Amino acid sequence: MDSWQPYGVSMIYDAVSWLPDLSRTSFSTTVLLVTDGADNASVIEAETSGKIARRAAVPVYVLSLGPRRDRGVSSFSLDRHLLAALARATGGRLYEIRREEDVDQMCSDLLGRMRSQYLLGIATSGEGAVGDHTLEVVLRKKKLDIWYRRGYRGFDPLEINHDGRKK
């Protein structure tokens, strides 16, 4: 880890733009993005990349190999806010790897999350204009840790009565 140095060409935003296609054409349940956090060659802008990421049907877990805590000022820019927003929008999480101990902790946490994933589906009306919709998942047991997508892009949700029938 002492030898980590960012170098080369990174196109994080462009790579993120492939997520919706990847999630439709594979059986992937998780995407792992390993990055130094510096994007120096993307054609797509950060804001556009974030909008595209929200359409992905898989959580993105970001492993940031950014500047170590004990090195002081970094020679490159780590866009922590962008990486955290990407992970949050897809129901994933940002892991910042700075020490060897962080790798063990991240692996343990990530494997635990992958073993306990549940899929919740949303029925849409299939009518009207396609738009962005926010989601909120509320648990009765407050002690549970929950990570979920904060929204989806599509038709309005289907309105259902308490008896399970369409309104």
Foldseek 3Di string as FASTA:
>chain_A
DVPDDDDDAAAVLVVLLCQQVVQVPDPDQEAEAEECQDHDDHPDDLVVSLVSLLAHQHAYEYEHAYEAPPPPDDPGDHPPVSVQSSRQQNQHGYQYDRDPVSVVVVVVVVVVCVVPDDDDDFAAPQDDDKAKDADDDDDPPPPDDGTHHGTHTGHHTFDADPVGHGD
